[in-house]
């Protein structure tokens, strides 16, 4: 390693990680343990592959990679839950409220 090698930017592009069976099994377990779950598909970006956010009736949510919109639709059919595209419908208000409640609780406890 040369003297200035660590300051040079890595010219290689990053590799995006695709969905794994661990991602899918987490989504399935999470959805079956909550009520009123809906799926929201987030489009692929330059940094992440397509992801799906599962949101429960109380706003609790989880996000994992998924194999495209078709993969999300397949998961939705398997779990009998509706699937929406975030780019078209946005996130539900209950998700934002849940996140705000968690942040307030963390501030109160000093975590």
N, C-alpha and C. Protein backbone atom coordinates (compact mmCIF):
# COMPACT_ATOMS: atom_id res chain seq x y z
N UNK A 1 0.85 -1.16 0.00
CA UNK A 1 0.00 0.00 0.00
C UNK A 1 0.90 1.23 0.00
N UNK A 2 0.64 2.12 -0.95
CA UNK A 2 1.40 3.35 -1.04
C UNK A 2 0.98 4.35 0.03
N UNK A 3 1.73 5.38 0.14
CA UNK A 3 1.49 6.39 1.16
C UNK A 3 0.10 7.03 1.07
N UNK A 4 -0.38 7.28 -0.15
CA UNK A 4 -1.66 7.98 -0.31
C UNK A 4 -2.78 7.06 -0.80
N UNK A 5 -2.57 5.76 -0.84
CA UNK A 5 -3.57 4.83 -1.34
C UNK A 5 -4.88 4.90 -0.57
N UNK A 6 -4.83 5.09 0.70
CA UNK A 6 -6.07 5.07 1.48
C UNK A 6 -6.94 6.30 1.21
N UNK A 7 -6.37 7.34 0.60
CA UNK A 7 -7.15 8.54 0.30
C UNK A 7 -7.80 8.49 -1.08
N UNK A 8 -7.40 7.54 -1.89
CA UNK A 8 -7.98 7.41 -3.22
C UNK A 8 -9.36 6.78 -3.12
N UNK A 9 -10.24 7.24 -3.94
CA UNK A 9 -11.58 6.67 -3.96
C UNK A 9 -11.56 5.33 -4.67
N UNK A 10 -12.37 4.44 -4.19
CA UNK A 10 -12.51 3.14 -4.83
C UNK A 10 -13.27 3.33 -6.13
N UNK A 11 -12.69 2.96 -7.25
CA UNK A 11 -13.29 3.17 -8.57
C UNK A 11 -14.35 2.11 -8.90
N UNK A 12 -14.35 1.01 -8.16
CA UNK A 12 -15.32 -0.05 -8.46
C UNK A 12 -16.69 0.31 -7.92
N UNK A 13 -17.69 0.01 -8.70
CA UNK A 13 -19.06 0.25 -8.26
C UNK A 13 -19.44 -0.77 -7.20
N UNK A 14 -20.30 -0.38 -6.29
CA UNK A 14 -20.78 -1.29 -5.27
C UNK A 14 -21.71 -2.33 -5.87
N UNK A 15 -21.84 -3.42 -5.20
CA UNK A 15 -22.73 -4.49 -5.65
C UNK A 15 -23.98 -4.44 -4.79
N UNK A 16 -25.13 -4.38 -5.45
CA UNK A 16 -26.39 -4.35 -4.72
C UNK A 16 -26.74 -5.76 -4.28
N UNK A 17 -27.19 -5.89 -3.05
CA UNK A 17 -27.58 -7.20 -2.52
C UNK A 17 -29.04 -7.44 -2.88
N UNK A 18 -29.34 -8.61 -3.40
CA UNK A 18 -30.71 -8.95 -3.75
C UNK A 18 -31.38 -9.64 -2.57
N UNK A 19 -32.67 -9.85 -2.71
CA UNK A 19 -33.44 -10.49 -1.65
C UNK A 19 -32.96 -11.92 -1.43
N UNK A 20 -33.00 -12.35 -0.19
CA UNK A 20 -32.62 -13.72 0.16
C UNK A 20 -33.81 -14.40 0.82
N UNK A 21 -33.68 -15.69 1.05
CA UNK A 21 -34.75 -16.42 1.73
C UNK A 21 -34.91 -15.92 3.16
N UNK A 22 -33.84 -15.41 3.75
CA UNK A 22 -33.92 -14.84 5.10
C UNK A 22 -34.83 -13.61 5.10
N UNK A 23 -34.68 -12.77 4.06
CA UNK A 23 -35.54 -11.59 3.94
C UNK A 23 -37.01 -12.00 3.82
N UNK A 24 -37.27 -12.95 2.94
CA UNK A 24 -38.64 -13.39 2.72
C UNK A 24 -39.23 -14.05 3.95
N UNK A 25 -38.47 -14.88 4.63
CA UNK A 25 -39.01 -15.54 5.82
C UNK A 25 -39.26 -14.53 6.93
N UNK A 26 -38.42 -13.51 7.06
CA UNK A 26 -38.68 -12.45 8.05
C UNK A 26 -40.01 -11.76 7.75
N UNK A 27 -40.23 -11.42 6.48
CA UNK A 27 -41.48 -10.75 6.10
C UNK A 27 -42.69 -11.62 6.40
N UNK A 28 -42.59 -12.91 6.08
CA UNK A 28 -43.71 -13.82 6.32
C UNK A 28 -44.00 -13.95 7.81
N UNK A 29 -42.96 -14.13 8.62
CA UNK A 29 -43.15 -14.26 10.07
C UNK A 29 -43.71 -12.97 10.67
N UNK A 30 -43.20 -11.85 10.22
CA UNK A 30 -43.64 -10.56 10.74
C UNK A 30 -45.12 -10.34 10.41
N UNK A 31 -45.49 -10.61 9.16
CA UNK A 31 -46.87 -10.37 8.72
C UNK A 31 -47.86 -11.28 9.44
N UNK A 32 -47.48 -12.52 9.69
CA UNK A 32 -48.41 -13.44 10.34
C UNK A 32 -48.55 -13.17 11.83
N UNK A 33 -47.63 -12.41 12.41
CA UNK A 33 -47.72 -12.12 13.84
C UNK A 33 -48.35 -10.76 14.13
N UNK A 34 -48.81 -10.05 13.10
CA UNK A 34 -49.43 -8.74 13.27
C UNK A 34 -50.80 -8.72 12.59
N UNK A 35 -51.62 -7.75 12.99
CA UNK A 35 -52.96 -7.61 12.40
C UNK A 35 -52.97 -6.47 11.38
N UNK A 36 -53.83 -6.59 10.38
CA UNK A 36 -54.06 -5.52 9.42
C UNK A 36 -52.83 -5.11 8.63
N UNK A 37 -52.04 -6.07 8.21
CA UNK A 37 -50.78 -5.77 7.51
C UNK A 37 -51.05 -5.46 6.04
N UNK A 38 -50.36 -4.43 5.55
CA UNK A 38 -50.38 -4.07 4.14
C UNK A 38 -48.93 -3.96 3.66
N UNK A 39 -48.72 -4.22 2.37
CA UNK A 39 -47.37 -4.16 1.79
C UNK A 39 -47.25 -2.93 0.89
N UNK A 40 -46.15 -2.23 1.02
CA UNK A 40 -45.85 -1.06 0.19
C UNK A 40 -44.51 -1.28 -0.49
N UNK A 41 -44.52 -1.33 -1.82
CA UNK A 41 -43.32 -1.62 -2.60
C UNK A 41 -42.58 -0.31 -2.88
N UNK A 42 -41.29 -0.30 -2.54
CA UNK A 42 -40.43 0.85 -2.81
C UNK A 42 -39.57 0.52 -4.04
N UNK A 43 -39.49 1.43 -5.00
CA UNK A 43 -38.74 1.14 -6.22
C UNK A 43 -37.24 1.03 -5.98
N UNK A 44 -36.58 0.38 -6.90
CA UNK A 44 -35.12 0.24 -6.87
C UNK A 44 -34.49 1.62 -7.01
N UNK A 45 -33.42 1.84 -6.29
CA UNK A 45 -32.66 3.09 -6.40
C UNK A 45 -31.23 2.76 -6.78
N UNK A 46 -30.39 3.78 -6.86
CA UNK A 46 -28.99 3.52 -7.18
C UNK A 46 -28.26 2.86 -6.02
N UNK A 47 -28.85 2.92 -4.83
CA UNK A 47 -28.20 2.37 -3.64
C UNK A 47 -28.82 1.06 -3.17
N UNK A 48 -30.10 0.86 -3.40
CA UNK A 48 -30.77 -0.35 -2.91
C UNK A 48 -31.61 -0.99 -4.01
N UNK A 49 -31.79 -2.28 -3.86
CA UNK A 49 -32.70 -3.00 -4.74
C UNK A 49 -34.13 -2.67 -4.33
N UNK A 50 -35.10 -3.24 -5.02
CA UNK A 50 -36.50 -3.04 -4.68
C UNK A 50 -36.74 -3.57 -3.27
N UNK A 51 -37.46 -2.80 -2.47
CA UNK A 51 -37.78 -3.22 -1.11
C UNK A 51 -39.28 -3.17 -0.91
N UNK A 52 -39.73 -3.87 0.12
CA UNK A 52 -41.13 -3.84 0.50
C UNK A 52 -41.20 -3.48 1.97
N UNK A 53 -42.13 -2.59 2.29
CA UNK A 53 -42.37 -2.20 3.68
C UNK A 53 -43.71 -2.81 4.07
N UNK A 54 -43.70 -3.62 5.12
CA UNK A 54 -44.95 -4.16 5.66
C UNK A 54 -45.36 -3.26 6.82
N UNK A 55 -46.63 -2.82 6.80
CA UNK A 55 -47.12 -1.90 7.81
C UNK A 55 -48.36 -2.52 8.46
N UNK A 56 -48.31 -2.63 9.79
CA UNK A 56 -49.42 -3.20 10.55
C UNK A 56 -50.48 -2.13 10.83
N UNK A 57 -51.60 -2.55 11.41
CA UNK A 57 -52.73 -1.64 11.66
C UNK A 57 -52.35 -0.49 12.59
N UNK A 58 -51.39 -0.70 13.48
CA UNK A 58 -51.00 0.35 14.44
C UNK A 58 -49.85 1.22 13.93
N UNK A 59 -49.36 0.95 12.72
CA UNK A 59 -48.28 1.74 12.14
C UNK A 59 -46.91 1.12 12.28
N UNK A 60 -46.80 0.05 13.08
CA UNK A 60 -45.51 -0.64 13.20
C UNK A 60 -45.12 -1.15 11.81
N UNK A 61 -43.84 -1.09 11.49
CA UNK A 61 -43.43 -1.48 10.15
C UNK A 61 -42.06 -2.16 10.14
N UNK A 62 -41.82 -2.86 9.04
CA UNK A 62 -40.52 -3.49 8.78
C UNK A 62 -40.24 -3.39 7.29
N UNK A 63 -38.96 -3.33 6.93
CA UNK A 63 -38.57 -3.19 5.52
C UNK A 63 -37.51 -4.25 5.20
N UNK A 64 -37.70 -4.88 4.04
CA UNK A 64 -36.72 -5.86 3.56
C UNK A 64 -36.66 -5.81 2.03
N UNK A 65 -35.58 -6.35 1.48
CA UNK A 65 -35.44 -6.44 0.03
C UNK A 65 -36.42 -7.49 -0.49
N UNK A 66 -36.84 -7.28 -1.73
CA UNK A 66 -37.77 -8.21 -2.37
C UNK A 66 -37.38 -8.29 -3.85
N UNK A 67 -37.74 -9.37 -4.50
CA UNK A 67 -37.39 -9.56 -5.91
C UNK A 67 -38.36 -8.82 -6.82
N UNK A 68 -38.33 -7.51 -6.80
CA UNK A 68 -39.14 -6.68 -7.68
C UNK A 68 -40.60 -6.62 -7.29
N UNK A 69 -41.35 -5.88 -8.09
CA UNK A 69 -42.78 -5.72 -7.85
C UNK A 69 -43.49 -7.07 -7.94
N UNK A 70 -43.06 -7.90 -8.89
CA UNK A 70 -43.67 -9.23 -9.03
C UNK A 70 -43.46 -10.06 -7.77
N UNK A 71 -42.28 -9.98 -7.18
CA UNK A 71 -42.01 -10.69 -5.93
C UNK A 71 -42.90 -10.21 -4.80
N UNK A 72 -43.14 -8.90 -4.75
CA UNK A 72 -44.01 -8.34 -3.72
C UNK A 72 -45.46 -8.78 -3.94
N UNK A 73 -45.90 -8.79 -5.20
CA UNK A 73 -47.26 -9.25 -5.51
C UNK A 73 -47.43 -10.72 -5.12
N UNK A 74 -46.42 -11.52 -5.40
CA UNK A 74 -46.46 -12.94 -5.05
C UNK A 74 -46.55 -13.11 -3.53
N UNK A 75 -45.73 -12.34 -2.79
CA UNK A 75 -45.78 -12.39 -1.33
C UNK A 75 -47.15 -11.96 -0.82
N UNK A 76 -47.70 -10.90 -1.42
CA UNK A 76 -49.02 -10.43 -1.03
C UNK A 76 -50.10 -11.49 -1.23
N UNK A 77 -50.04 -12.19 -2.36
CA UNK A 77 -51.01 -13.27 -2.60
C UNK A 77 -50.84 -14.39 -1.58
N UNK A 78 -49.59 -14.75 -1.30
CA UNK A 78 -49.31 -15.83 -0.35
C UNK A 78 -49.83 -15.50 1.04
N UNK A 79 -49.67 -14.22 1.46
CA UNK A 79 -50.08 -13.80 2.80
C UNK A 79 -51.49 -13.22 2.83
N UNK A 80 -52.12 -13.12 1.68
CA UNK A 80 -53.46 -12.52 1.55
C UNK A 80 -53.50 -11.10 2.11
N UNK A 81 -52.53 -10.28 1.67
CA UNK A 81 -52.48 -8.88 2.09
C UNK A 81 -52.43 -7.99 0.85
N UNK A 82 -52.97 -6.78 0.93
CA UNK A 82 -52.91 -5.87 -0.22
C UNK A 82 -51.50 -5.34 -0.44
N UNK A 83 -51.17 -5.08 -1.70
CA UNK A 83 -49.85 -4.57 -2.07
C UNK A 83 -50.03 -3.26 -2.83
N UNK A 84 -49.34 -2.22 -2.38
CA UNK A 84 -49.41 -0.90 -3.00
C UNK A 84 -48.02 -0.47 -3.44
N UNK A 85 -47.95 0.43 -4.41
CA UNK A 85 -46.67 1.00 -4.82
C UNK A 85 -46.53 2.37 -4.18
N UNK A 86 -45.46 2.56 -3.42
CA UNK A 86 -45.23 3.81 -2.70
C UNK A 86 -45.19 4.99 -3.66
N UNK A 87 -44.61 4.80 -4.83
CA UNK A 87 -44.50 5.90 -5.80
C UNK A 87 -45.87 6.40 -6.24
N UNK A 88 -46.88 5.56 -6.17
CA UNK A 88 -48.23 5.95 -6.60
C UNK A 88 -49.11 6.42 -5.45
N UNK A 89 -49.01 5.77 -4.29
CA UNK A 89 -49.95 6.09 -3.20
C UNK A 89 -49.29 6.71 -1.97
N UNK A 90 -47.98 6.66 -1.87
CA UNK A 90 -47.29 7.20 -0.70
C UNK A 90 -47.41 6.27 0.50
N UNK A 91 -46.82 6.71 1.62
CA UNK A 91 -46.88 5.93 2.85
C UNK A 91 -48.12 6.31 3.64
N UNK A 92 -48.71 5.37 4.37
CA UNK A 92 -49.89 5.71 5.16
C UNK A 92 -49.53 6.58 6.37
N UNK A 93 -50.48 7.39 6.78
CA UNK A 93 -50.28 8.31 7.91
C UNK A 93 -49.92 7.55 9.18
N UNK A 94 -50.50 6.38 9.37
CA UNK A 94 -50.25 5.63 10.61
C UNK A 94 -48.78 5.23 10.76
N UNK A 95 -48.08 5.04 9.64
CA UNK A 95 -46.65 4.71 9.69
C UNK A 95 -45.86 5.92 10.20
N UNK A 96 -46.16 7.09 9.68
CA UNK A 96 -45.47 8.30 10.12
C UNK A 96 -45.76 8.58 11.59
N UNK A 97 -47.01 8.37 12.01
CA UNK A 97 -47.38 8.60 13.42
C UNK A 97 -46.65 7.62 14.34
N UNK A 98 -46.56 6.36 13.93
CA UNK A 98 -45.85 5.35 14.73
C UNK A 98 -44.38 5.73 14.90
N UNK A 99 -43.76 6.15 13.80
CA UNK A 99 -42.35 6.54 13.85
C UNK A 99 -42.17 7.75 14.77
N UNK A 100 -43.08 8.71 14.69
CA UNK A 100 -43.01 9.90 15.56
C UNK A 100 -43.16 9.51 17.03
N UNK A 101 -44.08 8.59 17.33
CA UNK A 101 -44.26 8.13 18.71
C UNK A 101 -43.00 7.44 19.23
N UNK A 102 -42.37 6.63 18.40
CA UNK A 102 -41.14 5.94 18.82
C UNK A 102 -40.01 6.92 19.08
N UNK A 103 -39.88 7.91 18.21
CA UNK A 103 -38.82 8.91 18.41
C UNK A 103 -39.05 9.69 19.69
N UNK A 104 -40.31 10.06 19.96
CA UNK A 104 -40.63 10.79 21.19
C UNK A 104 -40.33 9.94 22.42
N UNK A 105 -40.66 8.65 22.36
CA UNK A 105 -40.41 7.75 23.48
C UNK A 105 -38.90 7.59 23.72
N UNK A 106 -38.13 7.52 22.64
CA UNK A 106 -36.67 7.41 22.78
C UNK A 106 -36.08 8.67 23.39
N UNK A 107 -36.60 9.83 23.00
CA UNK A 107 -36.11 11.08 23.59
C UNK A 107 -36.43 11.14 25.08
N UNK A 108 -37.63 10.67 25.44
CA UNK A 108 -38.05 10.71 26.84
C UNK A 108 -37.21 9.79 27.72
N UNK A 109 -36.80 8.65 27.17
CA UNK A 109 -36.01 7.70 27.96
C UNK A 109 -34.52 7.99 27.86
N UNK A 110 -34.14 8.87 26.95
CA UNK A 110 -32.74 9.23 26.82
C UNK A 110 -31.90 8.20 26.10
N UNK A 111 -32.51 7.35 25.29
CA UNK A 111 -31.76 6.30 24.57
C UNK A 111 -31.00 6.85 23.42
